[in-house]
Amino acid sequence: MDAMTEPADSRLRIDAEMTIAAAAGLRETLVDAVTALPEGSAVLQLDLSAVHDFDSSGVQLLLATRRSLADRGAALHVVAAAAAVRDALQLFGLAALLAPAPQQPA
C-alpha cells in the first residue's frame, strides 16, 4: 500500500485497493490525514484514481472519514476516482462525495 499526503493542499492519493483486506491499514492512513489537516482547511481531497478494487469496506472507510471531518468542520471530496469507485459511490447513493468536474472556459 502506498499513500502520499500533501498537507499544503490537503490532498491524499490512495494507491491501493479499498477492500476488506486493506481496510485496517487504510483506516490508519485516513485517520492520520484527518488529524494532519491544516488548521482552517475546509476540505480533504481524495484522489482515488488508482483504486481499482473497491468494495463496501471502502465505502465504510469513506463514510467514517467524512464523519470525522464533519466533526472538525471540514468536508471530504473525491477529486479523482477510478470507474470501480465511481460506480460503487453511485450504487450506494453517495455520488455527492465526488467533487464536481471543473468547468471549462466558454
PDB file of N, CA and C in Angstrom:
ATOM      1  N   MET A   1       0.849  -1.180   0.000  1.00  0.00           N
ATOM      2  CA  MET A   1       0.000   0.000   0.000  1.00  0.00           C
ATOM      3  C   MET A   1       0.885   1.230   0.000  1.00  0.00           C
ATOM      4  N   ASP A   2       0.548   2.166  -0.851  1.00  0.00           N
ATOM      5  CA  ASP A   2       1.309   3.409  -0.924  1.00  0.00           C
ATOM      6  C   ASP A   2       0.324   4.559  -0.858  1.00  0.00           C
ATOM      7  N   ALA A   3       0.494   5.410   0.115  1.00  0.00           N
ATOM      8  CA  ALA A   3      -0.348   6.596   0.219  1.00  0.00           C
ATOM      9  C   ALA A   3       0.570   7.785   0.414  1.00  0.00           C
ATOM     10  N   MET A   4       0.224   8.899  -0.196  1.00  0.00           N
ATOM     11  CA  MET A   4       1.067  10.085  -0.123  1.00  0.00           C
ATOM     12  C   MET A   4       0.191  11.266   0.260  1.00  0.00           C
ATOM     13  N   THR A   5       0.606  12.010   1.261  1.00  0.00           N
ATOM     14  CA  THR A   5      -0.153  13.191   1.647  1.00  0.00           C
ATOM     15  C   THR A   5       0.619  14.445   1.280  1.00  0.00           C
ATOM     16  N   GLU A   6      -0.118  15.469   0.946  1.00  0.00           N
ATOM     17  CA  GLU A   6       0.457  16.773   0.647  1.00  0.00           C
ATOM     18  C   GLU A   6      -0.316  17.787   1.479  1.00  0.00           C
ATOM     19  N   PRO A   7       0.154  18.090   2.708  1.00  0.00           N
ATOM     20  CA  PRO A   7      -0.612  18.952   3.597  1.00  0.00           C
ATOM     21  C   PRO A   7      -0.915  20.330   3.028  1.00  0.00           C
ATOM     22  N   ALA A   8      -0.058  20.841   2.140  1.00  0.00           N
ATOM     23  CA  ALA A   8      -0.264  22.192   1.622  1.00  0.00           C
ATOM     24  C   ALA A   8      -1.619  22.332   0.934  1.00  0.00           C
ATOM     25  N   ASP A   9      -2.051  21.285   0.229  1.00  0.00           N
ATOM     26  CA  ASP A   9      -3.342  21.390  -0.430  1.00  0.00           C
ATOM     27  C   ASP A   9      -4.357  20.399   0.113  1.00  0.00           C
ATOM     28  N   SER A  10      -4.069  19.786   1.269  1.00  0.00           N
ATOM     29  CA  SER A  10      -4.991  18.874   1.933  1.00  0.00           C
ATOM     30  C   SER A  10      -5.481  17.793   0.983  1.00  0.00           C
ATOM     31  N   ARG A  11      -4.545  17.167   0.312  1.00  0.00           N
ATOM     32  CA  ARG A  11      -4.868  16.155  -0.686  1.00  0.00           C
ATOM     33  C   ARG A  11      -4.188  14.847  -0.322  1.00  0.00           C
ATOM     34  N   LEU A  12      -4.904  13.741  -0.510  1.00  0.00           N
ATOM     35  CA  LEU A  12      -4.378  12.408  -0.238  1.00  0.00           C
ATOM     36  C   LEU A  12      -4.658  11.527  -1.438  1.00  0.00           C
ATOM     37  N   ARG A  13      -3.615  10.858  -1.902  1.00  0.00           N
ATOM     38  CA  ARG A  13      -3.772   9.919  -3.016  1.00  0.00           C
ATOM     39  C   ARG A  13      -3.638   8.510  -2.450  1.00  0.00           C
ATOM     40  N   ILE A  14      -4.609   7.683  -2.749  1.00  0.00           N
ATOM     41  CA  ILE A  14      -4.585   6.290  -2.329  1.00  0.00           C
ATOM     42  C   ILE A  14      -4.201   5.447  -3.539  1.00  0.00           C
ATOM     43  N   ASP A  15      -3.112   4.715  -3.398  1.00  0.00           N
ATOM     44  CA  ASP A  15      -2.632   3.846  -4.474  1.00  0.00           C
ATOM     45  C   ASP A  15      -2.747   2.387  -4.051  1.00  0.00           C
ATOM     46  N   ALA A  16      -3.890   2.025  -3.496  1.00  0.00           N
ATOM     47  CA  ALA A  16      -4.103   0.664  -3.017  1.00  0.00           C
ATOM     48  C   ALA A  16      -5.562   0.307  -3.204  1.00  0.00           C
ATOM     49  N   GLU A  17      -5.858  -0.962  -3.091  1.00  0.00           N
ATOM     50  CA  GLU A  17      -7.261  -1.363  -3.134  1.00  0.00           C
ATOM     51  C   GLU A  17      -7.958  -0.891  -1.869  1.00  0.00           C
ATOM     52  N   MET A  18      -9.221  -0.641  -1.970  1.00  0.00           N
ATOM     53  CA  MET A  18     -10.022  -0.257  -0.806  1.00  0.00           C
ATOM     54  C   MET A  18     -11.051  -1.358  -0.579  1.00  0.00           C
ATOM     55  N   THR A  19     -10.534  -2.464  -0.017  1.00  0.00           N
ATOM     56  CA  THR A  19     -11.344  -3.648   0.234  1.00  0.00           C
ATOM     57  C   THR A  19     -11.156  -4.075   1.682  1.00  0.00           C
ATOM     58  N   ILE A  20     -11.882  -5.100   2.078  1.00  0.00           N
ATOM     59  CA  ILE A  20     -11.782  -5.618   3.437  1.00  0.00           C
ATOM     60  C   ILE A  20     -10.344  -6.009   3.764  1.00  0.00           C
ATOM     61  N   ALA A  21      -9.606  -6.503   2.783  1.00  0.00           N
ATOM     62  CA  ALA A  21      -8.228  -6.946   3.018  1.00  0.00           C
ATOM     63  C   ALA A  21      -7.299  -5.786   3.378  1.00  0.00           C
ATOM     64  N   ALA A  22      -7.590  -4.600   2.898  1.00  0.00           N
ATOM     65  CA  ALA A  22      -6.720  -3.441   3.125  1.00  0.00           C
ATOM     66  C   ALA A  22      -7.317  -2.444   4.118  1.00  0.00           C
ATOM     67  N   ALA A  23      -8.480  -2.747   4.654  1.00  0.00           N
ATOM     68  CA  ALA A  23      -9.219  -1.768   5.456  1.00  0.00           C
ATOM     69  C   ALA A  23      -8.458  -1.258   6.669  1.00  0.00           C
ATOM     70  N   ALA A  24      -7.799  -2.128   7.412  1.00  0.00           N
ATOM     71  CA  ALA A  24      -7.121  -1.699   8.646  1.00  0.00           C
ATOM     72  C   ALA A  24      -6.025  -0.684   8.355  1.00  0.00           C
ATOM     73  N   GLY A  25      -5.183  -0.975   7.383  1.00  0.00           N
ATOM     74  CA  GLY A  25      -4.104  -0.052   7.038  1.00  0.00           C
ATOM     75  C   GLY A  25      -4.616   1.254   6.471  1.00  0.00           C
ATOM     76  N   LEU A  26      -5.638   1.182   5.638  1.00  0.00           N
ATOM     77  CA  LEU A  26      -6.204   2.400   5.059  1.00  0.00           C
ATOM     78  C   LEU A  26      -6.905   3.241   6.110  1.00  0.00           C
ATOM     79  N   ARG A  27      -7.517   2.585   7.082  1.00  0.00           N
ATOM     80  CA  ARG A  27      -8.168   3.337   8.158  1.00  0.00           C
ATOM     81  C   ARG A  27      -7.147   4.211   8.873  1.00  0.00           C
ATOM     82  N   GLU A  28      -5.999   3.648   9.174  1.00  0.00           N
ATOM     83  CA  GLU A  28      -4.940   4.423   9.835  1.00  0.00           C
ATOM     84  C   GLU A  28      -4.480   5.578   8.952  1.00  0.00           C
ATOM     85  N   THR A  29      -4.314   5.318   7.674  1.00  0.00           N
ATOM     86  CA  THR A  29      -3.887   6.360   6.734  1.00  0.00           C
ATOM     87  C   THR A  29      -4.898   7.505   6.710  1.00  0.00           C
ATOM     88  N   LEU A  30      -6.185   7.173   6.662  1.00  0.00           N
ATOM     89  CA  LEU A  30      -7.224   8.197   6.610  1.00  0.00           C
ATOM     90  C   LEU A  30      -7.343   8.950   7.929  1.00  0.00           C
ATOM     91  N   VAL A  31      -7.226   8.248   9.043  1.00  0.00           N
ATOM     92  CA  VAL A  31      -7.255   8.921  10.351  1.00  0.00           C
ATOM     93  C   VAL A  31      -6.089   9.897  10.447  1.00  0.00           C
ATOM     94  N   ASP A  32      -4.906   9.461  10.019  1.00  0.00           N
ATOM     95  CA  ASP A  32      -3.733  10.344  10.034  1.00  0.00           C
ATOM     96  C   ASP A  32      -3.962  11.580   9.159  1.00  0.00           C
ATOM     97  N   ALA A  33      -4.584  11.388   7.992  1.00  0.00           N
ATOM     98  CA  ALA A  33      -4.849  12.521   7.096  1.00  0.00           C
ATOM     99  C   ALA A  33      -5.822  13.506   7.729  1.00  0.00           C
ATOM    100  N   VAL A  34      -6.828  12.995   8.422  1.00  0.00           N
ATOM    101  CA  VAL A  34      -7.800  13.882   9.084  1.00  0.00           C
ATOM    102  C   VAL A  34      -7.115  14.668  10.194  1.00  0.00           C
ATOM    103  N   THR A  35      -6.328  13.992  11.013  1.00  0.00           N
ATOM    104  CA  THR A  35      -5.686  14.684  12.137  1.00  0.00           C
ATOM    105  C   THR A  35      -4.592  15.638  11.667  1.00  0.00           C
ATOM    106  N   ALA A  36      -4.010  15.390  10.492  1.00  0.00           N
ATOM    107  CA  ALA A  36      -2.962  16.262   9.969  1.00  0.00           C
ATOM    108  C   ALA A  36      -3.512  17.416   9.130  1.00  0.00           C
ATOM    109  N   LEU A  37      -4.826  17.456   8.957  1.00  0.00           N
ATOM    110  CA  LEU A  37      -5.427  18.523   8.161  1.00  0.00           C
ATOM    111  C   LEU A  37      -5.052  19.873   8.758  1.00  0.00           C
ATOM    112  N   PRO A  38      -4.465  20.752   7.960  1.00  0.00           N
ATOM    113  CA  PRO A  38      -4.057  22.060   8.479  1.00  0.00           C
ATOM    114  C   PRO A  38      -5.235  22.838   9.057  1.00  0.00           C
ATOM    115  N   GLU A  39      -4.974  23.589  10.101  1.00  0.00           N
ATOM    116  CA  GLU A  39      -5.993  24.431  10.738  1.00  0.00           C
ATOM    117  C   GLU A  39      -6.640  25.329   9.687  1.00  0.00           C
ATOM    118  N   GLY A  40      -7.942  25.371   9.690  1.00  0.00           N
ATOM    119  CA  GLY A  40      -8.659  26.228   8.761  1.00  0.00           C
ATOM    120  C   GLY A  40      -8.964  25.583   7.424  1.00  0.00           C
ATOM    121  N   SER A  41      -8.439  24.387   7.170  1.00  0.00           N
ATOM    122  CA  SER A  41      -8.753  23.707   5.917  1.00  0.00           C
ATOM    123  C   SER A  41     -10.190  23.231   5.961  1.00  0.00           C
ATOM    124  N   ALA A  42     -10.900  23.441   4.882  1.00  0.00           N
ATOM    125  CA  ALA A  42     -12.314  23.086   4.846  1.00  0.00           C
ATOM    126  C   ALA A  42     -12.555  21.747   4.165  1.00  0.00           C
ATOM    127  N   VAL A  43     -11.572  21.258   3.397  1.00  0.00           N
ATOM    128  CA  VAL A  43     -11.794  20.063   2.587  1.00  0.00           C
ATOM    129  C   VAL A  43     -10.549  19.181   2.578  1.00  0.00           C
ATOM    130  N   LEU A  44     -10.778  17.880   2.714  1.00  0.00           N
ATOM    131  CA  LEU A  44      -9.742  16.890   2.434  1.00  0.00           C
ATOM    132  C   LEU A  44     -10.093  16.301   1.081  1.00  0.00           C
ATOM    133  N   GLN A  45      -9.183  16.447   0.130  1.00  0.00           N
ATOM    134  CA  GLN A  45      -9.400  15.941  -1.216  1.00  0.00           C
ATOM    135  C   GLN A  45      -8.762  14.562  -1.330  1.00  0.00           C
ATOM    136  N   LEU A  46      -9.531  13.588  -1.815  1.00  0.00           N
ATOM    137  CA  LEU A  46      -9.011  12.242  -2.029  1.00  0.00           C
ATOM    138  C   LEU A  46      -8.895  11.966  -3.512  1.00  0.00           C
ATOM    139  N   ASP A  47      -7.731  11.509  -3.911  1.00  0.00           N
ATOM    140  CA  ASP A  47      -7.507  11.059  -5.274  1.00  0.00           C
ATOM    141  C   ASP A  47      -7.546   9.539  -5.241  1.00  0.00           C
ATOM    142  N   LEU A  48      -8.595   8.965  -5.785  1.00  0.00           N
ATOM    143  CA  LEU A  48      -8.782   7.518  -5.799  1.00  0.00           C
ATOM    144  C   LEU A  48      -8.700   6.971  -7.219  1.00  0.00           C
ATOM    145  N   SER A  49      -7.998   7.688  -8.084  1.00  0.00           N
ATOM    146  CA  SER A  49      -7.912   7.282  -9.489  1.00  0.00           C
ATOM    147  C   SER A  49      -7.140   5.983  -9.690  1.00  0.00           C
ATOM    148  N   ALA A  50      -6.315   5.587  -8.728  1.00  0.00           N
ATOM    149  CA  ALA A  50      -5.548   4.342  -8.845  1.00  0.00           C
ATOM    150  C   ALA A  50      -6.190   3.185  -8.084  1.00  0.00           C
ATOM    151  N   VAL A  51      -7.369   3.404  -7.525  1.00  0.00           N
ATOM    152  CA  VAL A  51      -8.066   2.359  -6.767  1.00  0.00           C
ATOM    153  C   VAL A  51      -8.957   1.579  -7.718  1.00  0.00           C
ATOM    154  N   HIS A  52      -8.568   0.330  -7.996  1.00  0.00           N
ATOM    155  CA  HIS A  52      -9.337  -0.469  -8.953  1.00  0.00           C
ATOM    156  C   HIS A  52     -10.171  -1.555  -8.285  1.00  0.00           C
ATOM    157  N   ASP A  53      -9.884  -1.873  -7.028  1.00  0.00           N
ATOM    158  CA  ASP A  53     -10.715  -2.783  -6.244  1.00  0.00           C
ATOM    159  C   ASP A  53     -11.324  -1.979  -5.119  1.00  0.00           C
ATOM    160  N   PHE A  54     -12.640  -1.933  -5.090  1.00  0.00           N
ATOM    161  CA  PHE A  54     -13.356  -1.098  -4.134  1.00  0.00           C
ATOM    162  C   PHE A  54     -14.628  -1.821  -3.750  1.00  0.00           C
ATOM    163  N   ASP A  55     -14.780  -2.118  -2.452  1.00  0.00           N
ATOM    164  CA  ASP A  55     -15.988  -2.808  -2.010  1.00  0.00           C
ATOM    165  C   ASP A  55     -16.653  -2.035  -0.886  1.00  0.00           C
ATOM    166  N   SER A  56     -17.602  -2.667  -0.208  1.00  0.00           N
ATOM    167  CA  SER A  56     -18.350  -1.971   0.836  1.00  0.00           C
ATOM    168  C   SER A  56     -17.446  -1.514   1.982  1.00  0.00           C
ATOM    169  N   SER A  57     -16.312  -2.161   2.176  1.00  0.00           N
ATOM    170  CA  SER A  57     -15.359  -1.694   3.187  1.00  0.00           C
ATOM    171  C   SER A  57     -14.785  -0.342   2.787  1.00  0.00           C
ATOM    172  N   GLY A  58     -14.545  -0.149   1.505  1.00  0.00           N
ATOM    173  CA  GLY A  58     -14.085   1.148   1.011  1.00  0.00           C
ATOM    174  C   GLY A  58     -15.131   2.220   1.247  1.00  0.00           C
ATOM    175  N   VAL A  59     -16.391   1.876   1.023  1.00  0.00           N
ATOM    176  CA  VAL A  59     -17.483   2.819   1.281  1.00  0.00           C
ATOM    177  C   VAL A  59     -17.503   3.176   2.764  1.00  0.00           C
ATOM    178  N   GLN A  60     -17.382   2.178   3.629  1.00  0.00           N
ATOM    179  CA  GLN A  60     -17.382   2.426   5.074  1.00  0.00           C
ATOM    180  C   GLN A  60     -16.224   3.332   5.482  1.00  0.00           C
ATOM    181  N   LEU A  61     -15.048   3.125   4.877  1.00  0.00           N
ATOM    182  CA  LEU A  61     -13.902   3.980   5.175  1.00  0.00           C
ATOM    183  C   LEU A  61     -14.187   5.428   4.789  1.00  0.00           C
ATOM    184  N   LEU A  62     -14.781   5.623   3.627  1.00  0.00           N
ATOM    185  CA  LEU A  62     -15.097   6.986   3.184  1.00  0.00           C
ATOM    186  C   LEU A  62     -16.135   7.635   4.093  1.00  0.00           C
ATOM    187  N   LEU A  63     -17.139   6.871   4.498  1.00  0.00           N
ATOM    188  CA  LEU A  63     -18.172   7.429   5.374  1.00  0.00           C
ATOM    189  C   LEU A  63     -17.605   7.787   6.744  1.00  0.00           C
ATOM    190  N   ALA A  64     -16.743   6.937   7.281  1.00  0.00           N
ATOM    191  CA  ALA A  64     -16.117   7.225   8.575  1.00  0.00           C
ATOM    192  C   ALA A  64     -15.233   8.461   8.477  1.00  0.00           C
ATOM    193  N   THR A  65     -14.511   8.585   7.371  1.00  0.00           N
ATOM    194  CA  THR A  65     -13.654   9.751   7.166  1.00  0.00           C
ATOM    195  C   THR A  65     -14.498  11.013   7.036  1.00  0.00           C
ATOM    196  N   ARG A  66     -15.578  10.923   6.286  1.00  0.00           N
ATOM    197  CA  ARG A  66     -16.468  12.075   6.129  1.00  0.00           C
ATOM    198  C   ARG A  66     -17.038  12.512   7.480  1.00  0.00           C
ATOM    199  N   ARG A  67     -17.414  11.540   8.308  1.00  0.00           N
ATOM    200  CA  ARG A  67     -17.957  11.839   9.636  1.00  0.00           C
ATOM    201  C   ARG A  67     -16.907  12.509  10.512  1.00  0.00           C
ATOM    202  N   SER A  68     -15.669  11.992  10.494  1.00  0.00           N
ATOM    203  CA  SER A  68     -14.583  12.591  11.282  1.00  0.00           C
ATOM    204  C   SER A  68     -14.291  14.016  10.840  1.00  0.00           C
ATOM    205  N   LEU A  69     -14.308  14.230   9.534  1.00  0.00           N
ATOM    206  CA  LEU A  69     -14.074  15.581   9.012  1.00  0.00           C
ATOM    207  C   LEU A  69     -15.210  16.523   9.394  1.00  0.00           C
ATOM    208  N   ALA A  70     -16.434  16.043   9.323  1.00  0.00           N
ATOM    209  CA  ALA A  70     -17.586  16.879   9.681  1.00  0.00           C
ATOM    210  C   ALA A  70     -17.493  17.313  11.137  1.00  0.00           C
ATOM    211  N   ASP A  71     -16.998  16.420  11.994  1.00  0.00           N
ATOM    212  CA  ASP A  71     -16.814  16.773  13.407  1.00  0.00           C
ATOM    213  C   ASP A  71     -15.817  17.911  13.574  1.00  0.00           C
ATOM    214  N   ARG A  72     -14.918  18.078  12.606  1.00  0.00           N
ATOM    215  CA  ARG A  72     -13.905  19.142  12.637  1.00  0.00           C
ATOM    216  C   ARG A  72     -14.324  20.352  11.798  1.00  0.00           C
ATOM    217  N   GLY A  73     -15.526  20.303  11.241  1.00  0.00           N
ATOM    218  CA  GLY A  73     -15.996  21.407  10.409  1.00  0.00           C
ATOM    219  C   GLY A  73     -15.433  21.370   9.001  1.00  0.00           C
ATOM    220  N   ALA A  74     -14.977  20.209   8.564  1.00  0.00           N
ATOM    221  CA  ALA A  74     -14.392  20.065   7.229  1.00  0.00           C
ATOM    222  C   ALA A  74     -15.217  19.057   6.424  1.00  0.00           C
ATOM    223  N   ALA A  75     -14.896  18.941   5.147  1.00  0.00           N
ATOM    224  CA  ALA A  75     -15.624  18.049   4.249  1.00  0.00           C
ATOM    225  C   ALA A  75     -14.656  17.137   3.509  1.00  0.00           C
ATOM    226  N   LEU A  76     -15.210  16.115   2.907  1.00  0.00           N
ATOM    227  CA  LEU A  76     -14.447  15.158   2.109  1.00  0.00           C
ATOM    228  C   LEU A  76     -14.920  15.262   0.667  1.00  0.00           C
ATOM    229  N   HIS A  77     -13.975  15.401  -0.267  1.00  0.00           N
ATOM    230  CA  HIS A  77     -14.287  15.375  -1.691  1.00  0.00           C
ATOM    231  C   HIS A  77     -13.377  14.371  -2.372  1.00  0.00           C
ATOM    232  N   VAL A  78     -13.971  13.515  -3.171  1.00  0.00           N
ATOM    233  CA  VAL A  78     -13.200  12.610  -4.021  1.00  0.00           C
ATOM    234  C   VAL A  78     -12.986  13.371  -5.327  1.00  0.00           C
ATOM    235  N   VAL A  79     -11.730  13.790  -5.567  1.00  0.00           N
ATOM    236  CA  VAL A  79     -11.448  14.649  -6.721  1.00  0.00           C
ATOM    237  C   VAL A  79     -11.087  13.871  -7.968  1.00  0.00           C
ATOM    238  N   ALA A  80     -10.736  12.606  -7.790  1.00  0.00           N
ATOM    239  CA  ALA A  80     -10.467  11.734  -8.926  1.00  0.00           C
ATOM    240  C   ALA A  80     -10.795  10.322  -8.472  1.00  0.00           C
ATOM    241  N   ALA A  81     -11.461   9.565  -9.331  1.00  0.00           N
ATOM    242  CA  ALA A  81     -11.871   8.230  -8.940  1.00  0.00           C
ATOM    243  C   ALA A  81     -11.838   7.284 -10.130  1.00  0.00           C
ATOM    244  N   ALA A  82     -11.354   6.083  -9.876  1.00  0.00           N
ATOM    245  CA  ALA A  82     -11.400   5.024 -10.880  1.00  0.00           C
ATOM    246  C   ALA A  82     -12.862   4.624 -11.089  1.00  0.00           C
ATOM    247  N   ALA A  83     -13.137   3.961 -12.174  1.00  0.00           N
ATOM    248  CA  ALA A  83     -14.511   3.569 -12.502  1.00  0.00           C
ATOM    249  C   ALA A  83     -15.139   2.739 -11.390  1.00  0.00           C
ATOM    250  N   ALA A  84     -14.391   1.835 -10.783  1.00  0.00           N
ATOM    251  CA  ALA A  84     -14.939   0.992  -9.710  1.00  0.00           C
ATOM    252  C   ALA A  84     -15.413   1.839  -8.539  1.00  0.00           C
ATOM    253  N   VAL A  85     -14.684   2.892  -8.224  1.00  0.00           N
ATOM    254  CA  VAL A  85     -15.053   3.778  -7.117  1.00  0.00           C
ATOM    255  C   VAL A  85     -16.293   4.582  -7.490  1.00  0.00           C
ATOM    256  N   ARG A  86     -16.293   5.170  -8.668  1.00  0.00           N
ATOM    257  CA  ARG A  86     -17.454   5.956  -9.118  1.00  0.00           C
ATOM    258  C   ARG A  86     -18.718   5.102  -9.141  1.00  0.00           C
ATOM    259  N   ASP A  87     -18.598   3.891  -9.679  1.00  0.00           N
ATOM    260  CA  ASP A  87     -19.754   3.001  -9.769  1.00  0.00           C
ATOM    261  C   ASP A  87     -20.296   2.655  -8.388  1.00  0.00           C
ATOM    262  N   ALA A  88     -19.406   2.339  -7.450  1.00  0.00           N
ATOM    263  CA  ALA A  88     -19.838   1.975  -6.095  1.00  0.00           C
ATOM    264  C   ALA A  88     -20.489   3.169  -5.402  1.00  0.00           C
ATOM    265  N   LEU A  89     -19.906   4.352  -5.534  1.00  0.00           N
ATOM    266  CA  LEU A  89     -20.488   5.527  -4.891  1.00  0.00           C
ATOM    267  C   LEU A  89     -21.872   5.826  -5.470  1.00  0.00           C
ATOM    268  N   GLN A  90     -22.027   5.661  -6.765  1.00  0.00           N
ATOM    269  CA  GLN A  90     -23.345   5.845  -7.392  1.00  0.00           C
ATOM    270  C   GLN A  90     -24.328   4.813  -6.845  1.00  0.00           C
ATOM    271  N   LEU A  91     -23.906   3.553  -6.778  1.00  0.00           N
ATOM    272  CA  LEU A  91     -24.753   2.466  -6.317  1.00  0.00           C
ATOM    273  C   LEU A  91     -25.246   2.695  -4.889  1.00  0.00           C
ATOM    274  N   PHE A  92     -24.361   3.205  -4.022  1.00  0.00           N
ATOM    275  CA  PHE A  92     -24.710   3.430  -2.622  1.00  0.00           C
ATOM    276  C   PHE A  92     -25.339   4.806  -2.388  1.00  0.00           C
ATOM    277  N   GLY A  93     -25.599   5.560  -3.457  1.00  0.00           N
ATOM    278  CA  GLY A  93     -26.227   6.868  -3.309  1.00  0.00           C
ATOM    279  C   GLY A  93     -25.301   7.913  -2.717  1.00  0.00           C
ATOM    280  N   LEU A  94     -24.001   7.757  -2.930  1.00  0.00           N
ATOM    281  CA  LEU A  94     -23.009   8.662  -2.354  1.00  0.00           C
ATOM    282  C   LEU A  94     -22.268   9.474  -3.409  1.00  0.00           C
ATOM    283  N   ALA A  95     -22.900   9.700  -4.533  1.00  0.00           N
ATOM    284  CA  ALA A  95     -22.254  10.462  -5.609  1.00  0.00           C
ATOM    285  C   ALA A  95     -21.886  11.866  -5.157  1.00  0.00           C
ATOM    286  N   ALA A  96     -22.525  12.375  -4.100  1.00  0.00           N
ATOM    287  CA  ALA A  96     -22.208  13.713  -3.603  1.00  0.00           C
ATOM    288  C   ALA A  96     -20.774  13.803  -3.079  1.00  0.00           C
ATOM    289  N   LEU A  97     -20.155  12.666  -2.779  1.00  0.00           N
ATOM    290  CA  LEU A  97     -18.752  12.690  -2.353  1.00  0.00           C
ATOM    291  C   LEU A  97     -17.813  13.037  -3.508  1.00  0.00           C
ATOM    292  N   LEU A  98     -18.286  12.813  -4.727  1.00  0.00           N
ATOM    293  CA  LEU A  98     -17.456  13.118  -5.890  1.00  0.00           C
ATOM    294  C   LEU A  98     -17.469  14.626  -6.115  1.00  0.00           C
ATOM    295  N   ALA A  99     -16.277  15.213  -6.159  1.00  0.00           N
ATOM    296  CA  ALA A  99     -16.175  16.653  -6.401  1.00  0.00           C
ATOM    297  C   ALA A  99     -16.692  16.953  -7.804  1.00  0.00           C
ATOM    298  N   PRO A 100     -17.350  18.082  -7.974  1.00  0.00           N
ATOM    299  CA  PRO A 100     -17.814  18.440  -9.310  1.00  0.00           C
ATOM    300  C   PRO A 100     -16.632  18.629 -10.256  1.00  0.00           C
ATOM    301  N   ALA A 101     -16.850  18.261 -11.498  1.00  0.00           N
ATOM    302  CA  ALA A 101     -15.803  18.442 -12.513  1.00  0.00           C
ATOM    303  C   ALA A 101     -15.571  19.927 -12.730  1.00  0.00           C
ATOM    304  N   PRO A 102     -14.296  20.330 -12.934  1.00  0.00           N
ATOM    305  CA  PRO A 102     -14.031  21.755 -13.178  1.00  0.00           C
ATOM    306  C   PRO A 102     -14.733  22.207 -14.457  1.00  0.00           C
ATOM    307  N   GLN A 103     -15.253  23.411 -14.411  1.00  0.00           N
ATOM    308  CA  GLN A 103     -15.922  23.958 -15.582  1.00  0.00           C
ATOM    309  C   GLN A 103     -14.885  24.443 -16.581  1.00  0.00           C
ATOM    310  N   GLN A 104     -15.167  24.175 -17.849  1.00  0.00           N
ATOM    311  CA  GLN A 104     -14.296  24.602 -18.930  1.00  0.00           C
ATOM    312  C   GLN A 104     -14.659  26.041 -19.302  1.00  0.00           C
ATOM    313  N   PRO A 105     -13.665  26.873 -19.627  1.00  0.00           N
ATOM    314  CA  PRO A 105     -13.963  28.241 -20.058  1.00  0.00           C
ATOM    315  C   PRO A 105     -14.804  28.216 -21.332  1.00  0.00           C
ATOM    316  N   ALA A 106     -15.703  29.174 -21.440  1.00  0.00           N
ATOM    317  CA  ALA A 106     -16.597  29.241 -22.614  1.00  0.00           C
ATOM    318  C   ALA A 106     -15.886  29.744 -23.826  1.00  0.00           C
TER     319      ALA A 106
END
